[in-house]
Amino acid sequence: MATECKHIEQAGNPEARTDGCEECLKMGAQWVHLRRCLECGHVGCCDSSQNKHATKHFHQTKHPVIQSFEPGETWVWCFEDRLMLDDRPEQGGPARV
């Protein structure tokens, strides 16, 4: 597992495209928790949800960084480097554990 992550350091901050999991809303399915893609704003459900749309979005698009889309949570996760940070670092410095 990495201890630094250029993907998190370079991640954007796009507006969420929906208030819930995009695919689950279309399917009429439910989710447990939500994640927002920091490249395009896609909102997908977590891996504890039946459909795991946030991870599927990564595999389809290769957008590496997500942030929790749950109230009060600020953590970020990089799929490529398998790195989680409790808070998103300030822009301009390397993201480290």
N, C-alpha and C. Protein backbone atom coordinates (compact mmCIF):
# COMPACT_ATOMS: atom_id res chain seq x y z
N MET A 1 0.85 -1.18 0.00
CA MET A 1 0.00 0.00 0.00
C MET A 1 0.89 1.24 0.00
N ALA A 2 0.50 2.24 -0.73
CA ALA A 2 1.27 3.47 -0.85
C ALA A 2 1.19 4.31 0.42
N THR A 3 2.20 5.18 0.62
CA THR A 3 2.17 6.13 1.72
C THR A 3 2.02 7.56 1.21
N GLU A 4 2.14 7.75 -0.10
CA GLU A 4 1.89 9.04 -0.74
C GLU A 4 0.97 8.79 -1.93
N CYS A 5 0.24 9.84 -2.32
CA CYS A 5 -0.71 9.65 -3.41
C CYS A 5 -0.84 10.91 -4.25
N LYS A 6 -0.33 10.83 -5.47
CA LYS A 6 -0.45 11.98 -6.38
C LYS A 6 -1.89 12.15 -6.86
N HIS A 7 -2.66 11.07 -6.88
CA HIS A 7 -4.05 11.15 -7.35
C HIS A 7 -4.90 12.01 -6.41
N ILE A 8 -4.74 11.80 -5.11
CA ILE A 8 -5.49 12.60 -4.13
C ILE A 8 -5.03 14.04 -4.20
N GLU A 9 -3.73 14.23 -4.31
CA GLU A 9 -3.16 15.58 -4.39
C GLU A 9 -3.73 16.35 -5.57
N GLN A 10 -3.96 15.67 -6.70
CA GLN A 10 -4.41 16.32 -7.93
C GLN A 10 -5.92 16.26 -8.13
N ALA A 11 -6.64 15.65 -7.20
CA ALA A 11 -8.09 15.47 -7.36
C ALA A 11 -8.82 16.81 -7.37
N GLY A 12 -9.89 16.85 -8.14
CA GLY A 12 -10.72 18.04 -8.20
C GLY A 12 -11.76 18.06 -7.09
N ASN A 13 -12.75 18.90 -7.28
CA ASN A 13 -13.84 19.00 -6.31
C ASN A 13 -15.14 19.29 -7.05
N PRO A 14 -15.53 18.39 -7.97
CA PRO A 14 -16.73 18.66 -8.77
C PRO A 14 -18.01 18.57 -7.95
N GLU A 15 -19.00 19.28 -8.40
CA GLU A 15 -20.34 19.18 -7.79
C GLU A 15 -20.86 17.76 -7.98
N ALA A 16 -21.58 17.27 -6.99
CA ALA A 16 -22.23 15.97 -7.12
C ALA A 16 -23.30 16.05 -8.21
N ARG A 17 -23.36 15.04 -9.06
CA ARG A 17 -24.33 15.04 -10.16
C ARG A 17 -25.74 14.69 -9.69
N THR A 18 -25.84 13.99 -8.56
CA THR A 18 -27.15 13.62 -8.00
C THR A 18 -27.06 13.67 -6.48
N ASP A 19 -28.21 13.54 -5.82
CA ASP A 19 -28.24 13.50 -4.36
C ASP A 19 -28.16 12.07 -3.83
N GLY A 20 -28.20 11.09 -4.72
CA GLY A 20 -28.14 9.68 -4.35
C GLY A 20 -27.35 8.93 -5.39
N CYS A 21 -27.21 7.63 -5.22
CA CYS A 21 -26.49 6.81 -6.18
C CYS A 21 -27.18 6.89 -7.55
N GLU A 22 -26.44 7.35 -8.54
CA GLU A 22 -27.02 7.56 -9.87
C GLU A 22 -27.68 6.30 -10.42
N GLU A 23 -26.96 5.19 -10.37
CA GLU A 23 -27.48 3.95 -10.95
C GLU A 23 -28.63 3.37 -10.13
N CYS A 24 -28.50 3.41 -8.80
CA CYS A 24 -29.57 2.89 -7.94
C CYS A 24 -30.86 3.70 -8.12
N LEU A 25 -30.73 5.02 -8.27
CA LEU A 25 -31.92 5.84 -8.51
C LEU A 25 -32.63 5.41 -9.78
N LYS A 26 -31.86 5.12 -10.83
CA LYS A 26 -32.45 4.69 -12.11
C LYS A 26 -33.10 3.31 -11.99
N MET A 27 -32.49 2.44 -11.16
CA MET A 27 -32.98 1.06 -11.01
C MET A 27 -34.07 0.92 -9.96
N GLY A 28 -34.21 1.93 -9.11
CA GLY A 28 -35.13 1.82 -8.00
C GLY A 28 -34.55 0.99 -6.86
N ALA A 29 -33.23 0.90 -6.80
CA ALA A 29 -32.56 0.10 -5.76
C ALA A 29 -32.19 0.99 -4.57
N GLN A 30 -31.83 0.35 -3.47
CA GLN A 30 -31.42 1.07 -2.27
C GLN A 30 -29.92 0.95 -2.08
N TRP A 31 -29.35 1.84 -1.26
CA TRP A 31 -27.93 1.81 -0.98
C TRP A 31 -27.71 2.00 0.51
N VAL A 32 -26.46 1.76 0.95
CA VAL A 32 -26.10 1.91 2.37
C VAL A 32 -25.44 3.28 2.57
N HIS A 33 -24.32 3.53 1.88
CA HIS A 33 -23.60 4.80 1.98
C HIS A 33 -23.22 5.26 0.58
N LEU A 34 -22.92 6.56 0.46
CA LEU A 34 -22.62 7.14 -0.85
C LEU A 34 -21.18 7.65 -0.92
N ARG A 35 -20.62 7.60 -2.14
CA ARG A 35 -19.28 8.09 -2.44
C ARG A 35 -19.35 8.98 -3.67
N ARG A 36 -18.57 10.09 -3.66
CA ARG A 36 -18.54 11.02 -4.80
C ARG A 36 -17.19 10.92 -5.49
N CYS A 37 -17.20 10.76 -6.80
CA CYS A 37 -15.98 10.74 -7.60
C CYS A 37 -15.43 12.16 -7.67
N LEU A 38 -14.14 12.32 -7.36
CA LEU A 38 -13.54 13.65 -7.36
C LEU A 38 -13.00 14.05 -8.73
N GLU A 39 -13.32 13.26 -9.74
CA GLU A 39 -12.97 13.67 -11.11
C GLU A 39 -14.19 14.18 -11.86
N CYS A 40 -15.33 13.50 -11.70
CA CYS A 40 -16.49 13.87 -12.51
C CYS A 40 -17.76 14.17 -11.71
N GLY A 41 -17.76 13.92 -10.39
CA GLY A 41 -18.93 14.20 -9.58
C GLY A 41 -19.95 13.06 -9.52
N HIS A 42 -19.65 11.93 -10.15
CA HIS A 42 -20.53 10.76 -10.08
C HIS A 42 -20.75 10.39 -8.62
N VAL A 43 -21.98 10.10 -8.24
CA VAL A 43 -22.29 9.62 -6.90
C VAL A 43 -22.69 8.16 -7.02
N GLY A 44 -21.96 7.30 -6.31
CA GLY A 44 -22.22 5.87 -6.35
C GLY A 44 -22.32 5.30 -4.95
N CYS A 45 -22.89 4.12 -4.86
CA CYS A 45 -23.05 3.47 -3.56
C CYS A 45 -21.78 2.71 -3.18
N CYS A 46 -21.60 2.52 -1.88
CA CYS A 46 -20.40 1.90 -1.32
C CYS A 46 -20.39 0.38 -1.53
N ASP A 47 -19.28 -0.23 -1.14
CA ASP A 47 -19.15 -1.68 -1.28
C ASP A 47 -19.98 -2.47 -0.28
N SER A 48 -20.54 -1.81 0.72
CA SER A 48 -21.49 -2.49 1.62
C SER A 48 -22.89 -2.53 1.02
N SER A 49 -23.09 -1.76 -0.04
CA SER A 49 -24.36 -1.77 -0.75
C SER A 49 -24.38 -2.93 -1.74
N GLN A 50 -25.57 -3.41 -2.07
CA GLN A 50 -25.70 -4.57 -2.94
C GLN A 50 -25.02 -4.36 -4.30
N ASN A 51 -25.12 -3.16 -4.87
CA ASN A 51 -24.65 -2.95 -6.24
C ASN A 51 -23.24 -2.39 -6.38
N LYS A 52 -22.65 -1.85 -5.33
CA LYS A 52 -21.25 -1.38 -5.33
C LYS A 52 -20.93 -0.46 -6.51
N HIS A 53 -21.79 0.52 -6.76
CA HIS A 53 -21.63 1.35 -7.95
C HIS A 53 -20.42 2.28 -7.92
N ALA A 54 -19.95 2.70 -6.75
CA ALA A 54 -18.76 3.56 -6.71
C ALA A 54 -17.53 2.81 -7.23
N THR A 55 -17.36 1.57 -6.79
CA THR A 55 -16.24 0.76 -7.27
C THR A 55 -16.41 0.41 -8.74
N LYS A 56 -17.61 0.11 -9.17
CA LYS A 56 -17.85 -0.17 -10.59
C LYS A 56 -17.52 1.05 -11.44
N HIS A 57 -17.83 2.24 -10.93
CA HIS A 57 -17.50 3.47 -11.65
C HIS A 57 -15.99 3.58 -11.84
N PHE A 58 -15.22 3.29 -10.80
CA PHE A 58 -13.76 3.31 -10.93
C PHE A 58 -13.30 2.33 -12.01
N HIS A 59 -13.80 1.11 -11.99
CA HIS A 59 -13.36 0.10 -12.97
C HIS A 59 -13.73 0.50 -14.40
N GLN A 60 -14.85 1.17 -14.57
CA GLN A 60 -15.28 1.59 -15.91
C GLN A 60 -14.55 2.83 -16.40
N THR A 61 -14.25 3.77 -15.51
CA THR A 61 -13.71 5.07 -15.93
C THR A 61 -12.23 5.26 -15.59
N LYS A 62 -11.73 4.51 -14.62
CA LYS A 62 -10.37 4.67 -14.09
C LYS A 62 -10.21 6.00 -13.35
N HIS A 63 -11.31 6.64 -12.91
CA HIS A 63 -11.23 7.82 -12.06
C HIS A 63 -10.83 7.31 -10.67
N PRO A 64 -9.64 7.66 -10.17
CA PRO A 64 -9.09 6.96 -9.01
C PRO A 64 -9.56 7.40 -7.62
N VAL A 65 -10.07 8.62 -7.46
CA VAL A 65 -10.30 9.13 -6.10
C VAL A 65 -11.78 9.38 -5.83
N ILE A 66 -12.24 8.88 -4.69
CA ILE A 66 -13.59 9.15 -4.22
C ILE A 66 -13.51 9.80 -2.84
N GLN A 67 -14.59 10.48 -2.50
CA GLN A 67 -14.72 11.05 -1.16
C GLN A 67 -16.08 10.62 -0.63
N SER A 68 -16.14 10.40 0.67
CA SER A 68 -17.42 10.06 1.27
C SER A 68 -18.42 11.16 0.94
N PHE A 69 -19.63 10.76 0.64
CA PHE A 69 -20.72 11.71 0.37
C PHE A 69 -21.76 11.63 1.49
N GLU A 70 -21.26 11.25 2.68
CA GLU A 70 -22.11 11.16 3.86
C GLU A 70 -21.92 12.40 4.73
N PRO A 71 -22.98 12.93 5.31
CA PRO A 71 -22.86 14.11 6.17
C PRO A 71 -21.85 13.88 7.30
N GLY A 72 -20.95 14.85 7.48
CA GLY A 72 -19.98 14.80 8.55
C GLY A 72 -18.73 13.97 8.27
N GLU A 73 -18.66 13.29 7.12
CA GLU A 73 -17.49 12.49 6.78
C GLU A 73 -16.66 13.23 5.73
N THR A 74 -15.35 13.26 5.92
CA THR A 74 -14.47 13.99 5.01
C THR A 74 -13.38 13.12 4.39
N TRP A 75 -13.37 11.82 4.68
CA TRP A 75 -12.29 10.96 4.19
C TRP A 75 -12.31 10.82 2.67
N VAL A 76 -11.12 10.51 2.14
CA VAL A 76 -10.95 10.24 0.71
C VAL A 76 -10.25 8.89 0.55
N TRP A 77 -10.48 8.26 -0.60
CA TRP A 77 -9.88 6.95 -0.91
C TRP A 77 -9.38 6.98 -2.34
N CYS A 78 -8.16 6.49 -2.54
CA CYS A 78 -7.62 6.32 -3.88
C CYS A 78 -7.62 4.83 -4.21
N PHE A 79 -8.37 4.46 -5.24
CA PHE A 79 -8.44 3.06 -5.66
C PHE A 79 -7.08 2.58 -6.17
N GLU A 80 -6.37 3.41 -6.92
CA GLU A 80 -5.10 2.98 -7.52
C GLU A 80 -4.02 2.73 -6.49
N ASP A 81 -3.87 3.65 -5.55
CA ASP A 81 -2.82 3.51 -4.55
C ASP A 81 -3.29 2.81 -3.28
N ARG A 82 -4.59 2.52 -3.21
CA ARG A 82 -5.18 1.86 -2.04
C ARG A 82 -4.83 2.64 -0.78
N LEU A 83 -5.09 3.94 -0.83
CA LEU A 83 -4.74 4.84 0.26
C LEU A 83 -5.97 5.59 0.72
N MET A 84 -6.19 5.59 2.03
CA MET A 84 -7.30 6.32 2.62
C MET A 84 -6.75 7.39 3.54
N LEU A 85 -7.30 8.59 3.44
CA LEU A 85 -6.95 9.69 4.33
C LEU A 85 -8.20 10.16 5.04
N ASP A 86 -8.09 10.46 6.32
CA ASP A 86 -9.24 10.91 7.10
C ASP A 86 -9.82 12.22 6.60
N ASP A 87 -8.94 13.11 6.17
CA ASP A 87 -9.34 14.40 5.63
C ASP A 87 -8.58 14.63 4.34
N ARG A 88 -9.19 15.37 3.47
CA ARG A 88 -8.52 15.72 2.23
C ARG A 88 -7.43 16.75 2.51
N PRO A 89 -6.20 16.52 2.01
CA PRO A 89 -5.12 17.46 2.28
C PRO A 89 -5.34 18.79 1.55
N GLU A 90 -4.67 19.82 2.04
CA GLU A 90 -4.69 21.11 1.36
C GLU A 90 -4.11 20.93 -0.03
N GLN A 91 -4.64 21.65 -1.00
CA GLN A 91 -4.10 21.59 -2.36
C GLN A 91 -2.69 22.15 -2.35
N GLY A 92 -1.79 21.53 -3.12
CA GLY A 92 -0.44 22.05 -3.26
C GLY A 92 0.61 21.24 -2.53
N GLY A 93 0.23 20.39 -1.60
CA GLY A 93 1.20 19.55 -0.90
C GLY A 93 0.91 18.09 -1.16
N PRO A 94 1.92 17.22 -1.03
CA PRO A 94 1.69 15.80 -1.29
C PRO A 94 0.77 15.19 -0.24
N ALA A 95 -0.07 14.29 -0.68
CA ALA A 95 -0.95 13.57 0.23
C ALA A 95 -0.17 12.41 0.84
N ARG A 96 -0.10 12.38 2.15
CA ARG A 96 0.65 11.34 2.86
C ARG A 96 -0.18 10.75 3.98
N VAL A 97 0.17 9.55 4.36
CA VAL A 97 -0.49 8.87 5.46
C VAL A 97 -0.07 9.50 6.77
